[in-house]
Structure formats: structure tokens, C-alpha cells
PDB file of all heavy atoms in Angstrom:
ATOM      1  N   ARG A   1     -41.296  10.842  17.891  1.00  0.00           N
ATOM      2  CA  ARG A   1     -41.953  12.195  17.758  1.00  0.00           C
ATOM      3  C   ARG A   1     -42.814  12.177  16.545  1.00  0.00           C
ATOM      4  O   ARG A   1     -42.621  11.401  15.591  1.00  0.00           O
ATOM      5  CB  ARG A   1     -40.940  13.354  17.655  1.00  0.00           C
ATOM      6  CG  ARG A   1     -39.862  13.460  18.791  1.00  0.00           C
ATOM      7  CD  ARG A   1     -40.550  13.761  20.122  1.00  0.00           C
ATOM      8  NE  ARG A   1     -40.871  15.182  20.153  1.00  0.00           N
ATOM      9  CZ  ARG A   1     -41.352  15.765  21.219  1.00  0.00           C
ATOM     10  NH1 ARG A   1     -41.468  15.098  22.349  1.00  0.00           N
ATOM     11  NH2 ARG A   1     -41.693  17.032  21.215  1.00  0.00           N
ATOM     12  N   TYR A   2     -43.825  13.038  16.480  1.00  0.00           N
ATOM     13  CA  TYR A   2     -44.694  13.211  15.328  1.00  0.00           C
ATOM     14  C   TYR A   2     -44.450  14.626  14.826  1.00  0.00           C
ATOM     15  O   TYR A   2     -44.384  15.562  15.549  1.00  0.00           O
ATOM     16  CB  TYR A   2     -46.206  13.029  15.726  1.00  0.00           C
ATOM     17  CG  TYR A   2     -46.524  11.617  16.076  1.00  0.00           C
ATOM     18  CD1 TYR A   2     -46.261  11.157  17.386  1.00  0.00           C
ATOM     19  CD2 TYR A   2     -46.950  10.729  15.128  1.00  0.00           C
ATOM     20  CE1 TYR A   2     -46.545   9.772  17.722  1.00  0.00           C
ATOM     21  CE2 TYR A   2     -47.266   9.433  15.407  1.00  0.00           C
ATOM     22  CZ  TYR A   2     -47.068   9.011  16.715  1.00  0.00           C
ATOM     23  OH  TYR A   2     -47.342   7.644  17.011  1.00  0.00           O
ATOM     24  N   TRP A   3     -44.396  14.767  13.489  1.00  0.00           N
ATOM     25  CA  TRP A   3     -44.218  16.030  12.823  1.00  0.00           C
ATOM     26  C   TRP A   3     -45.487  16.346  12.021  1.00  0.00           C
ATOM     27  O   TRP A   3     -46.010  15.494  11.279  1.00  0.00           O
ATOM     28  CB  TRP A   3     -43.012  15.944  11.882  1.00  0.00           C
ATOM     29  CG  TRP A   3     -41.768  15.881  12.645  1.00  0.00           C
ATOM     30  CD1 TRP A   3     -41.130  14.716  13.033  1.00  0.00           C
ATOM     31  CD2 TRP A   3     -40.912  17.007  13.133  1.00  0.00           C
ATOM     32  NE1 TRP A   3     -39.976  15.068  13.774  1.00  0.00           N
ATOM     33  CE2 TRP A   3     -39.906  16.416  13.825  1.00  0.00           C
ATOM     34  CE3 TRP A   3     -41.090  18.351  12.988  1.00  0.00           C
ATOM     35  CZ2 TRP A   3     -38.915  17.289  14.413  1.00  0.00           C
ATOM     36  CZ3 TRP A   3     -40.160  19.190  13.564  1.00  0.00           C
ATOM     37  CH2 TRP A   3     -39.040  18.610  14.301  1.00  0.00           C
ATOM     38  N   ALA A   4     -45.984  17.561  12.167  1.00  0.00           N
ATOM     39  CA  ALA A   4     -47.124  18.020  11.443  1.00  0.00           C
ATOM     40  C   ALA A   4     -46.700  19.120  10.473  1.00  0.00           C
ATOM     41  O   ALA A   4     -45.876  19.985  10.844  1.00  0.00           O
ATOM     42  CB  ALA A   4     -48.211  18.465  12.359  1.00  0.00           C
ATOM     43  N   TRP A   5     -47.322  19.132   9.273  1.00  0.00           N
ATOM     44  CA  TRP A   5     -46.894  20.155   8.285  1.00  0.00           C
ATOM     45  C   TRP A   5     -48.104  20.679   7.561  1.00  0.00           C
ATOM     46  O   TRP A   5     -49.078  19.831   7.188  1.00  0.00           O
ATOM     47  CB  TRP A   5     -45.962  19.452   7.254  1.00  0.00           C
ATOM     48  CG  TRP A   5     -45.508  20.292   6.133  1.00  0.00           C
ATOM     49  CD1 TRP A   5     -44.909  21.461   6.182  1.00  0.00           C
ATOM     50  CD2 TRP A   5     -45.663  19.969   4.743  1.00  0.00           C
ATOM     51  NE1 TRP A   5     -44.647  21.917   4.873  1.00  0.00           N
ATOM     52  CE2 TRP A   5     -45.085  20.999   4.015  1.00  0.00           C
ATOM     53  CE3 TRP A   5     -46.183  18.866   4.045  1.00  0.00           C
ATOM     54  CZ2 TRP A   5     -45.083  21.038   2.599  1.00  0.00           C
ATOM     55  CZ3 TRP A   5     -46.105  18.870   2.689  1.00  0.00           C
ATOM     56  CH2 TRP A   5     -45.577  19.944   1.974  1.00  0.00           C
ATOM     57  N   CYS A   6     -48.198  21.967   7.327  1.00  0.00           N
ATOM     58  CA  CYS A   6     -49.202  22.627   6.531  1.00  0.00           C
ATOM     59  C   CYS A   6     -48.526  23.002   5.237  1.00  0.00           C
ATOM     60  O   CYS A   6     -47.818  24.025   5.190  1.00  0.00           O
ATOM     61  CB  CYS A   6     -49.738  23.854   7.329  1.00  0.00           C
ATOM     62  SG  CYS A   6     -50.863  24.852   6.341  1.00  0.00           S
ATOM     63  N   PRO A   7     -48.884  22.271   4.090  1.00  0.00           N
ATOM     64  CA  PRO A   7     -48.127  22.627   2.886  1.00  0.00           C
ATOM     65  C   PRO A   7     -48.461  23.917   2.239  1.00  0.00           C
ATOM     66  O   PRO A   7     -47.634  24.520   1.607  1.00  0.00           O
ATOM     67  CB  PRO A   7     -48.591  21.455   1.965  1.00  0.00           C
ATOM     68  CG  PRO A   7     -49.802  20.842   2.548  1.00  0.00           C
ATOM     69  CD  PRO A   7     -49.676  21.131   4.030  1.00  0.00           C
ATOM     70  N   GLU A   8     -49.718  24.457   2.408  1.00  0.00           N
ATOM     71  CA  GLU A   8     -50.044  25.711   1.904  1.00  0.00           C
ATOM     72  C   GLU A   8     -49.170  26.871   2.340  1.00  0.00           C
ATOM     73  O   GLU A   8     -48.735  27.739   1.550  1.00  0.00           O
ATOM     74  CB  GLU A   8     -51.496  26.156   2.207  1.00  0.00           C
ATOM     75  CG  GLU A   8     -52.555  25.305   1.554  1.00  0.00           C
ATOM     76  CD  GLU A   8     -53.002  24.179   2.417  1.00  0.00           C
ATOM     77  OE1 GLU A   8     -52.339  23.808   3.417  1.00  0.00           O
ATOM     78  OE2 GLU A   8     -54.000  23.554   2.056  1.00  0.00           O
ATOM     79  N   LEU A   9     -48.771  26.803   3.666  1.00  0.00           N
ATOM     80  CA  LEU A   9     -47.904  27.869   4.186  1.00  0.00           C
ATOM     81  C   LEU A   9     -46.505  27.378   4.482  1.00  0.00           C
ATOM     82  O   LEU A   9     -45.680  28.147   4.963  1.00  0.00           O
ATOM     83  CB  LEU A   9     -48.534  28.376   5.477  1.00  0.00           C
ATOM     84  CG  LEU A   9     -49.955  28.972   5.304  1.00  0.00           C
ATOM     85  CD1 LEU A   9     -50.535  29.372   6.683  1.00  0.00           C
ATOM     86  CD2 LEU A   9     -49.903  30.166   4.401  1.00  0.00           C
ATOM     87  N   ASP A  10     -46.201  26.124   4.266  1.00  0.00           N
ATOM     88  CA  ASP A  10     -44.921  25.528   4.553  1.00  0.00           C
ATOM     89  C   ASP A  10     -44.562  25.810   5.995  1.00  0.00           C
ATOM     90  O   ASP A  10     -43.424  26.273   6.274  1.00  0.00           O
ATOM     91  CB  ASP A  10     -43.843  25.980   3.597  1.00  0.00           C
ATOM     92  CG  ASP A  10     -42.632  25.111   3.649  1.00  0.00           C
ATOM     93  OD1 ASP A  10     -42.730  23.906   4.002  1.00  0.00           O
ATOM     94  OD2 ASP A  10     -41.515  25.583   3.254  1.00  0.00           O
ATOM     95  N   VAL A  11     -45.374  25.556   6.857  1.00  0.00           N
ATOM     96  CA  VAL A  11     -45.164  25.660   8.354  1.00  0.00           C
ATOM     97  C   VAL A  11     -45.296  24.266   8.983  1.00  0.00           C
ATOM     98  O   VAL A  11     -46.154  23.522   8.572  1.00  0.00           O
ATOM     99  CB  VAL A  11     -46.254  26.552   8.968  1.00  0.00           C
ATOM    100  CG1 VAL A  11     -46.115  26.613  10.491  1.00  0.00           C
ATOM    101  CG2 VAL A  11     -46.169  27.991   8.408  1.00  0.00           C
ATOM    102  N   SER A  12     -44.354  23.995   9.830  1.00  0.00           N
ATOM    103  CA  SER A  12     -44.401  22.683  10.517  1.00  0.00           C
ATOM    104  C   SER A  12     -44.187  22.833  12.001  1.00  0.00           C
ATOM    105  O   SER A  12     -43.776  23.825  12.489  1.00  0.00           O
ATOM    106  CB  SER A  12     -43.297  21.723   9.940  1.00  0.00           C
ATOM    107  OG  SER A  12     -42.018  22.270  10.104  1.00  0.00           O
ATOM    108  N   SER A  13     -44.491  21.721  12.734  1.00  0.00           N
ATOM    109  CA  SER A  13     -44.377  21.679  14.132  1.00  0.00           C
ATOM    110  C   SER A  13     -44.258  20.202  14.507  1.00  0.00           C
ATOM    111  O   SER A  13     -44.408  19.310  13.683  1.00  0.00           O
ATOM    112  CB  SER A  13     -45.461  22.332  14.860  1.00  0.00           C
ATOM    113  OG  SER A  13     -45.145  22.468  16.257  1.00  0.00           O
ATOM    114  N   GLU A  14     -44.012  19.935  15.812  1.00  0.00           N
ATOM    115  CA  GLU A  14     -43.896  18.525  16.216  1.00  0.00           C
ATOM    116  C   GLU A  14     -44.475  18.335  17.572  1.00  0.00           C
ATOM    117  O   GLU A  14     -44.838  19.351  18.293  1.00  0.00           O
ATOM    118  CB  GLU A  14     -42.427  18.085  16.206  1.00  0.00           C
ATOM    119  CG  GLU A  14     -41.469  18.988  16.972  1.00  0.00           C
ATOM    120  CD  GLU A  14     -41.295  18.557  18.391  1.00  0.00           C
ATOM    121  OE1 GLU A  14     -41.467  17.365  18.756  1.00  0.00           O
ATOM    122  OE2 GLU A  14     -41.091  19.472  19.265  1.00  0.00           O
ATOM    123  N   GLY A  15     -44.571  17.085  18.055  1.00  0.00           N
ATOM    124  CA  GLY A  15     -45.135  16.811  19.327  1.00  0.00           C
ATOM    125  C   GLY A  15     -44.885  15.296  19.683  1.00  0.00           C
ATOM    126  O   GLY A  15     -44.512  14.555  18.831  1.00  0.00           O
ATOM    127  N   LYS A  16     -45.224  14.994  20.942  1.00  0.00           N
ATOM    128  CA  LYS A  16     -45.071  13.596  21.355  1.00  0.00           C
ATOM    129  C   LYS A  16     -46.117  12.721  20.889  1.00  0.00           C
ATOM    130  O   LYS A  16     -45.925  11.528  20.703  1.00  0.00           O
ATOM    131  CB  LYS A  16     -45.060  13.575  22.937  1.00  0.00           C
ATOM    132  CG  LYS A  16     -43.954  14.248  23.578  1.00  0.00           C
ATOM    133  CD  LYS A  16     -44.034  14.121  25.146  1.00  0.00           C
ATOM    134  CE  LYS A  16     -42.836  14.772  25.772  1.00  0.00           C
ATOM    135  NZ  LYS A  16     -42.949  14.726  27.242  1.00  0.00           N
ATOM    136  N   THR A  17     -47.282  13.244  20.576  1.00  0.00           N
ATOM    137  CA  THR A  17     -48.439  12.478  19.965  1.00  0.00           C
ATOM    138  C   THR A  17     -48.898  13.206  18.706  1.00  0.00           C
ATOM    139  O   THR A  17     -48.523  14.372  18.459  1.00  0.00           O
ATOM    140  CB  THR A  17     -49.551  12.381  21.019  1.00  0.00           C
ATOM    141  OG1 THR A  17     -50.151  13.745  21.138  1.00  0.00           O
ATOM    142  CG2 THR A  17     -49.161  11.793  22.297  1.00  0.00           C
ATOM    143  N   THR A  18     -49.727  12.531  17.952  1.00  0.00           N
ATOM    144  CA  THR A  18     -50.305  13.165  16.864  1.00  0.00           C
ATOM    145  C   THR A  18     -51.184  14.378  17.121  1.00  0.00           C
ATOM    146  O   THR A  18     -51.096  15.455  16.501  1.00  0.00           O
ATOM    147  CB  THR A  18     -51.187  12.230  15.973  1.00  0.00           C
ATOM    148  OG1 THR A  18     -52.251  11.652  16.823  1.00  0.00           O
ATOM    149  CG2 THR A  18     -50.322  11.075  15.389  1.00  0.00           C
ATOM    150  N   GLU A  19     -51.885  14.278  18.289  1.00  0.00           N
ATOM    151  CA  GLU A  19     -52.699  15.408  18.742  1.00  0.00           C
ATOM    152  C   GLU A  19     -51.845  16.603  19.145  1.00  0.00           C
ATOM    153  O   GLU A  19     -52.124  17.734  18.856  1.00  0.00           O
ATOM    154  CB  GLU A  19     -53.591  15.029  19.903  1.00  0.00           C
ATOM    155  CG  GLU A  19     -54.619  14.008  19.582  1.00  0.00           C
ATOM    156  CD  GLU A  19     -54.111  12.562  19.462  1.00  0.00           C
ATOM    157  OE1 GLU A  19     -53.000  12.241  19.986  1.00  0.00           O
ATOM    158  OE2 GLU A  19     -54.813  11.692  18.876  1.00  0.00           O
ATOM    159  N   ASP A  20     -50.664  16.298  19.846  1.00  0.00           N
ATOM    160  CA  ASP A  20     -49.747  17.405  20.194  1.00  0.00           C
ATOM    161  C   ASP A  20     -49.198  18.104  18.948  1.00  0.00           C
ATOM    162  O   ASP A  20     -49.109  19.313  18.878  1.00  0.00           O
ATOM    163  CB  ASP A  20     -48.600  16.854  21.038  1.00  0.00           C
ATOM    164  CG  ASP A  20     -48.930  16.513  22.467  1.00  0.00           C
ATOM    165  OD1 ASP A  20     -49.963  16.933  22.932  1.00  0.00           O
ATOM    166  OD2 ASP A  20     -48.127  15.790  23.091  1.00  0.00           O
ATOM    167  N   ALA A  21     -48.785  17.280  17.991  1.00  0.00           N
ATOM    168  CA  ALA A  21     -48.254  17.781  16.809  1.00  0.00           C
ATOM    169  C   ALA A  21     -49.262  18.668  16.072  1.00  0.00           C
ATOM    170  O   ALA A  21     -48.942  19.783  15.535  1.00  0.00           O
ATOM    171  CB  ALA A  21     -47.726  16.696  15.887  1.00  0.00           C
ATOM    172  N   ARG A  22     -50.452  18.190  15.962  1.00  0.00           N
ATOM    173  CA  ARG A  22     -51.523  18.932  15.299  1.00  0.00           C
ATOM    174  C   ARG A  22     -51.824  20.253  16.031  1.00  0.00           C
ATOM    175  O   ARG A  22     -51.990  21.328  15.443  1.00  0.00           O
ATOM    176  CB  ARG A  22     -52.808  18.057  15.248  1.00  0.00           C
ATOM    177  CG  ARG A  22     -53.978  18.686  14.499  1.00  0.00           C
ATOM    178  CD  ARG A  22     -55.186  17.685  14.591  1.00  0.00           C
ATOM    179  NE  ARG A  22     -56.269  18.220  13.947  1.00  0.00           N
ATOM    180  CZ  ARG A  22     -56.933  17.642  12.945  1.00  0.00           C
ATOM    181  NH1 ARG A  22     -56.424  16.521  12.473  1.00  0.00           N
ATOM    182  NH2 ARG A  22     -57.902  18.219  12.415  1.00  0.00           N
ATOM    183  N   ASP A  23     -51.936  20.177  17.354  1.00  0.00           N
ATOM    184  CA  ASP A  23     -52.273  21.387  18.203  1.00  0.00           C
ATOM    185  C   ASP A  23     -51.091  22.409  18.095  1.00  0.00           C
ATOM    186  O   ASP A  23     -51.350  23.581  17.942  1.00  0.00           O
ATOM    187  CB  ASP A  23     -52.443  21.013  19.657  1.00  0.00           C
ATOM    188  CG  ASP A  23     -53.685  20.301  19.867  1.00  0.00           C
ATOM    189  OD1 ASP A  23     -54.609  20.284  19.002  1.00  0.00           O
ATOM    190  OD2 ASP A  23     -53.841  19.672  20.963  1.00  0.00           O
ATOM    191  N   ASN A  24     -49.825  21.918  18.092  1.00  0.00           N
ATOM    192  CA  ASN A  24     -48.663  22.799  17.875  1.00  0.00           C
ATOM    193  C   ASN A  24     -48.682  23.461  16.525  1.00  0.00           C
ATOM    194  O   ASN A  24     -48.286  24.607  16.357  1.00  0.00           O
ATOM    195  CB  ASN A  24     -47.417  22.022  18.251  1.00  0.00           C
ATOM    196  CG  ASN A  24     -47.280  21.617  19.694  1.00  0.00           C
ATOM    197  OD1 ASN A  24     -47.959  22.182  20.558  1.00  0.00           O
ATOM    198  ND2 ASN A  24     -46.432  20.651  19.966  1.00  0.00           N
ATOM    199  N   LEU A  25     -49.034  22.689  15.554  1.00  0.00           N
ATOM    200  CA  LEU A  25     -49.041  23.218  14.193  1.00  0.00           C
ATOM    201  C   LEU A  25     -50.168  24.298  14.100  1.00  0.00           C
ATOM    202  O   LEU A  25     -49.929  25.347  13.504  1.00  0.00           O
ATOM    203  CB  LEU A  25     -49.332  22.139  13.186  1.00  0.00           C
ATOM    204  CG  LEU A  25     -49.401  22.553  11.743  1.00  0.00           C
ATOM    205  CD1 LEU A  25     -48.117  23.220  11.273  1.00  0.00           C
ATOM    206  CD2 LEU A  25     -49.881  21.443  10.815  1.00  0.00           C
ATOM    207  N   ARG A  26     -51.348  24.034  14.618  1.00  0.00           N
ATOM    208  CA  ARG A  26     -52.396  25.040  14.662  1.00  0.00           C
ATOM    209  C   ARG A  26     -51.843  26.351  15.206  1.00  0.00           C
ATOM    210  O   ARG A  26     -52.111  27.394  14.610  1.00  0.00           O
ATOM    211  CB  ARG A  26     -53.603  24.526  15.452  1.00  0.00           C
ATOM    212  CG  ARG A  26     -54.773  25.460  15.353  1.00  0.00           C
ATOM    213  CD  ARG A  26     -55.958  24.952  16.133  1.00  0.00           C
ATOM    214  NE  ARG A  26     -56.550  23.838  15.454  1.00  0.00           N
ATOM    215  CZ  ARG A  26     -56.545  22.586  16.000  1.00  0.00           C
ATOM    216  NH1 ARG A  26     -56.053  22.401  17.231  1.00  0.00           N
ATOM    217  NH2 ARG A  26     -57.071  21.582  15.422  1.00  0.00           N
ATOM    218  N   GLU A  27     -51.154  26.269  16.354  1.00  0.00           N
ATOM    219  CA  GLU A  27     -50.684  27.506  16.932  1.00  0.00           C
ATOM    220  C   GLU A  27     -49.573  28.142  16.072  1.00  0.00           C
ATOM    221  O   GLU A  27     -49.602  29.408  15.927  1.00  0.00           O
ATOM    222  CB  GLU A  27     -50.056  27.177  18.293  1.00  0.00           C
ATOM    223  CG  GLU A  27     -49.587  28.323  19.087  1.00  0.00           C
ATOM    224  CD  GLU A  27     -49.052  27.924  20.500  1.00  0.00           C
ATOM    225  OE1 GLU A  27     -49.586  27.075  21.071  1.00  0.00           O
ATOM    226  OE2 GLU A  27     -48.129  28.673  20.925  1.00  0.00           O
ATOM    227  N   ALA A  28     -48.732  27.383  15.509  1.00  0.00           N
ATOM    228  CA  ALA A  28     -47.631  27.890  14.600  1.00  0.00           C
ATOM    229  C   ALA A  28     -48.256  28.551  13.345  1.00  0.00           C
ATOM    230  O   ALA A  28     -47.827  29.664  13.033  1.00  0.00           O
ATOM    231  CB  ALA A  28     -46.691  26.744  14.218  1.00  0.00           C
ATOM    232  N   VAL A  29     -49.270  27.958  12.782  1.00  0.00           N
ATOM    233  CA  VAL A  29     -49.886  28.459  11.639  1.00  0.00           C
ATOM    234  C   VAL A  29     -50.658  29.797  11.937  1.00  0.00           C
ATOM    235  O   VAL A  29     -50.547  30.776  11.270  1.00  0.00           O
ATOM    236  CB  VAL A  29     -50.933  27.472  10.997  1.00  0.00           C
ATOM    237  CG1 VAL A  29     -51.911  28.123  10.007  1.00  0.00           C
ATOM    238  CG2 VAL A  29     -50.126  26.374  10.289  1.00  0.00           C
ATOM    239  N   GLN A  30     -51.290  29.817  13.074  1.00  0.00           N
ATOM    240  CA  GLN A  30     -51.994  31.038  13.564  1.00  0.00           C
ATOM    241  C   GLN A  30     -51.024  32.172  13.719  1.00  0.00           C
ATOM    242  O   GLN A  30     -51.266  33.312  13.279  1.00  0.00           O
ATOM    243  CB  GLN A  30     -52.812  30.728  14.814  1.00  0.00           C
ATOM    244  CG  GLN A  30     -53.677  31.892  15.226  1.00  0.00           C
ATOM    245  CD  GLN A  30     -54.621  31.533  16.343  1.00  0.00           C
ATOM    246  OE1 GLN A  30     -54.746  30.388  16.742  1.00  0.00           O
ATOM    247  NE2 GLN A  30     -55.290  32.501  16.872  1.00  0.00           N
ATOM    248  N   CYS A  31     -49.943  31.906  14.327  1.00  0.00           N
ATOM    249  CA  CYS A  31     -48.862  32.957  14.536  1.00  0.00           C
ATOM    250  C   CYS A  31     -48.332  33.406  13.203  1.00  0.00           C
ATOM    251  O   CYS A  31     -48.080  34.599  12.958  1.00  0.00           O
ATOM    252  CB  CYS A  31     -47.775  32.441  15.476  1.00  0.00           C
ATOM    253  SG  CYS A  31     -48.179  32.251  17.116  1.00  0.00           S
ATOM    254  N   HIS A  32     -48.042  32.381  12.222  1.00  0.00           N
ATOM    255  CA  HIS A  32     -47.534  32.755  10.956  1.00  0.00           C
ATOM    256  C   HIS A  32     -48.497  33.729  10.265  1.00  0.00           C
ATOM    257  O   HIS A  32     -48.111  34.716   9.686  1.00  0.00           O
ATOM    258  CB  HIS A  32     -47.376  31.458  10.163  1.00  0.00           C
ATOM    259  CG  HIS A  32     -46.738  31.664   8.832  1.00  0.00           C
ATOM    260  ND1 HIS A  32     -45.438  31.909   8.680  1.00  0.00           N
ATOM    261  CD2 HIS A  32     -47.341  31.670   7.666  1.00  0.00           C
ATOM    262  CE1 HIS A  32     -45.237  32.003   7.321  1.00  0.00           C
ATOM    263  NE2 HIS A  32     -46.334  31.886   6.678  1.00  0.00           N
ATOM    264  N   ILE A  33     -49.854  33.376  10.256  1.00  0.00           N
ATOM    265  CA  ILE A  33     -50.858  34.169   9.595  1.00  0.00           C
ATOM    266  C   ILE A  33     -50.904  35.469  10.211  1.00  0.00           C
ATOM    267  O   ILE A  33     -50.948  36.588   9.429  1.00  0.00           O
ATOM    268  CB  ILE A  33     -52.181  33.451   9.588  1.00  0.00           C
ATOM    269  CG1 ILE A  33     -52.127  32.273   8.610  1.00  0.00           C
ATOM    270  CG2 ILE A  33     -53.326  34.429   9.161  1.00  0.00           C
ATOM    271  CD1 ILE A  33     -53.377  31.321   8.730  1.00  0.00           C
ATOM    272  N   GLU A  34     -50.971  35.604  11.452  1.00  0.00           N
ATOM    273  CA  GLU A  34     -51.078  36.915  12.225  1.00  0.00           C
ATOM    274  C   GLU A  34     -49.858  37.780  11.855  1.00  0.00           C
ATOM    275  O   GLU A  34     -49.998  38.945  11.614  1.00  0.00           O
ATOM    276  CB  GLU A  34     -51.155  36.659  13.666  1.00  0.00           C
ATOM    277  CG  GLU A  34     -52.547  36.132  14.121  1.00  0.00           C
ATOM    278  CD  GLU A  34     -52.562  35.698  15.654  1.00  0.00           C
ATOM    279  OE1 GLU A  34     -51.607  35.843  16.304  1.00  0.00           O
ATOM    280  OE2 GLU A  34     -53.565  35.259  16.037  1.00  0.00           O
ATOM    281  N   THR A  35     -48.677  37.157  11.830  1.00  0.00           N
ATOM    282  CA  THR A  35     -47.456  37.932  11.508  1.00  0.00           C
ATOM    283  C   THR A  35     -47.494  38.483  10.115  1.00  0.00           C
ATOM    284  O   THR A  35     -47.184  39.675   9.856  1.00  0.00           O
ATOM    285  CB  THR A  35     -46.180  37.033  11.691  1.00  0.00           C
ATOM    286  OG1 THR A  35     -46.193  36.640  13.114  1.00  0.00           O
ATOM    287  CG2 THR A  35     -44.925  37.818  11.374  1.00  0.00           C
ATOM    288  N   MET A  36     -47.937  37.618   9.117  1.00  0.00           N
ATOM    289  CA  MET A  36     -48.005  38.105   7.756  1.00  0.00           C
ATOM    290  C   MET A  36     -49.019  39.264   7.610  1.00  0.00           C
ATOM    291  O   MET A  36     -48.751  40.287   6.895  1.00  0.00           O
ATOM    292  CB  MET A  36     -48.490  36.968   6.836  1.00  0.00           C
ATOM    293  CG  MET A  36     -47.367  35.921   6.590  1.00  0.00           C
ATOM    294  SD  MET A  36     -47.839  34.644   5.338  1.00  0.00           S
ATOM    295  CE  MET A  36     -47.583  35.653   3.825  1.00  0.00           C
ATOM    296  N   ILE A  37     -50.189  39.184   8.281  1.00  0.00           N
ATOM    297  CA  ILE A  37     -51.145  40.238   8.232  1.00  0.00           C
ATOM    298  C   ILE A  37     -50.621  41.474   8.859  1.00  0.00           C
ATOM    299  O   ILE A  37     -50.731  42.593   8.296  1.00  0.00           O
ATOM    300  CB  ILE A  37     -52.463  39.785   8.789  1.00  0.00           C
ATOM    301  CG1 ILE A  37     -53.121  38.715   7.976  1.00  0.00           C
ATOM    302  CG2 ILE A  37     -53.466  40.959   9.036  1.00  0.00           C
ATOM    303  CD1 ILE A  37     -54.312  37.981   8.636  1.00  0.00           C
ATOM    304  N   GLU A  38     -49.986  41.362  10.038  1.00  0.00           N
ATOM    305  CA  GLU A  38     -49.462  42.544  10.738  1.00  0.00           C
ATOM    306  C   GLU A  38     -48.322  43.197   9.873  1.00  0.00           C
ATOM    307  O   GLU A  38     -48.192  44.454   9.937  1.00  0.00           O
ATOM    308  CB  GLU A  38     -48.796  42.085  12.086  1.00  0.00           C
ATOM    309  CG  GLU A  38     -49.874  41.765  13.120  1.00  0.00           C
ATOM    310  CD  GLU A  38     -49.288  41.153  14.353  1.00  0.00           C
ATOM    311  OE1 GLU A  38     -47.993  41.008  14.483  1.00  0.00           O
ATOM    312  OE2 GLU A  38     -50.039  40.746  15.227  1.00  0.00           O
ATOM    313  N   GLN A  39     -47.594  42.410   9.069  1.00  0.00           N
ATOM    314  CA  GLN A  39     -46.515  42.980   8.329  1.00  0.00           C
ATOM    315  C   GLN A  39     -47.016  43.474   6.925  1.00  0.00           C
ATOM    316  O   GLN A  39     -46.228  43.928   6.067  1.00  0.00           O
ATOM    317  CB  GLN A  39     -45.404  41.973   8.103  1.00  0.00           C
ATOM    318  CG  GLN A  39     -44.707  41.633   9.338  1.00  0.00           C
ATOM    319  CD  GLN A  39     -43.635  40.614   9.173  1.00  0.00           C
ATOM    320  OE1 GLN A  39     -43.610  39.903   8.086  1.00  0.00           O
ATOM    321  NE2 GLN A  39     -42.799  40.367  10.144  1.00  0.00           N
ATOM    322  N   GLY A  40     -48.334  43.467   6.709  1.00  0.00           N
ATOM    323  CA  GLY A  40     -48.861  43.910   5.468  1.00  0.00           C
ATOM    324  C   GLY A  40     -48.770  43.029   4.301  1.00  0.00           C
ATOM    325  O   GLY A  40     -48.803  43.455   3.192  1.00  0.00           O
TER     326      GLY A  40
END
């Protein structure tokens, strides 16, 4: 498996390929940011 990590937000994700891990991380980061903004 491949693990992707965004150090600025300390968010990580994984996938079967580097592309999967990167795409999954993009989605996780987007959700993390949206949640932070929604929560003020």
C-alpha cells in the first residue's frame, strides 16, 4: 500500500497506487478544510 500525508494539516490517506493515495489524500484534505471552516 501507499500512504500519502499532508504535513501542514497532519492529514493522511492511503491507496493501492501512488495516484490512489494522492487522490484519497486530496479528498481527505478537502473534507478536513471544509469541516474546519464550517465549525468556525
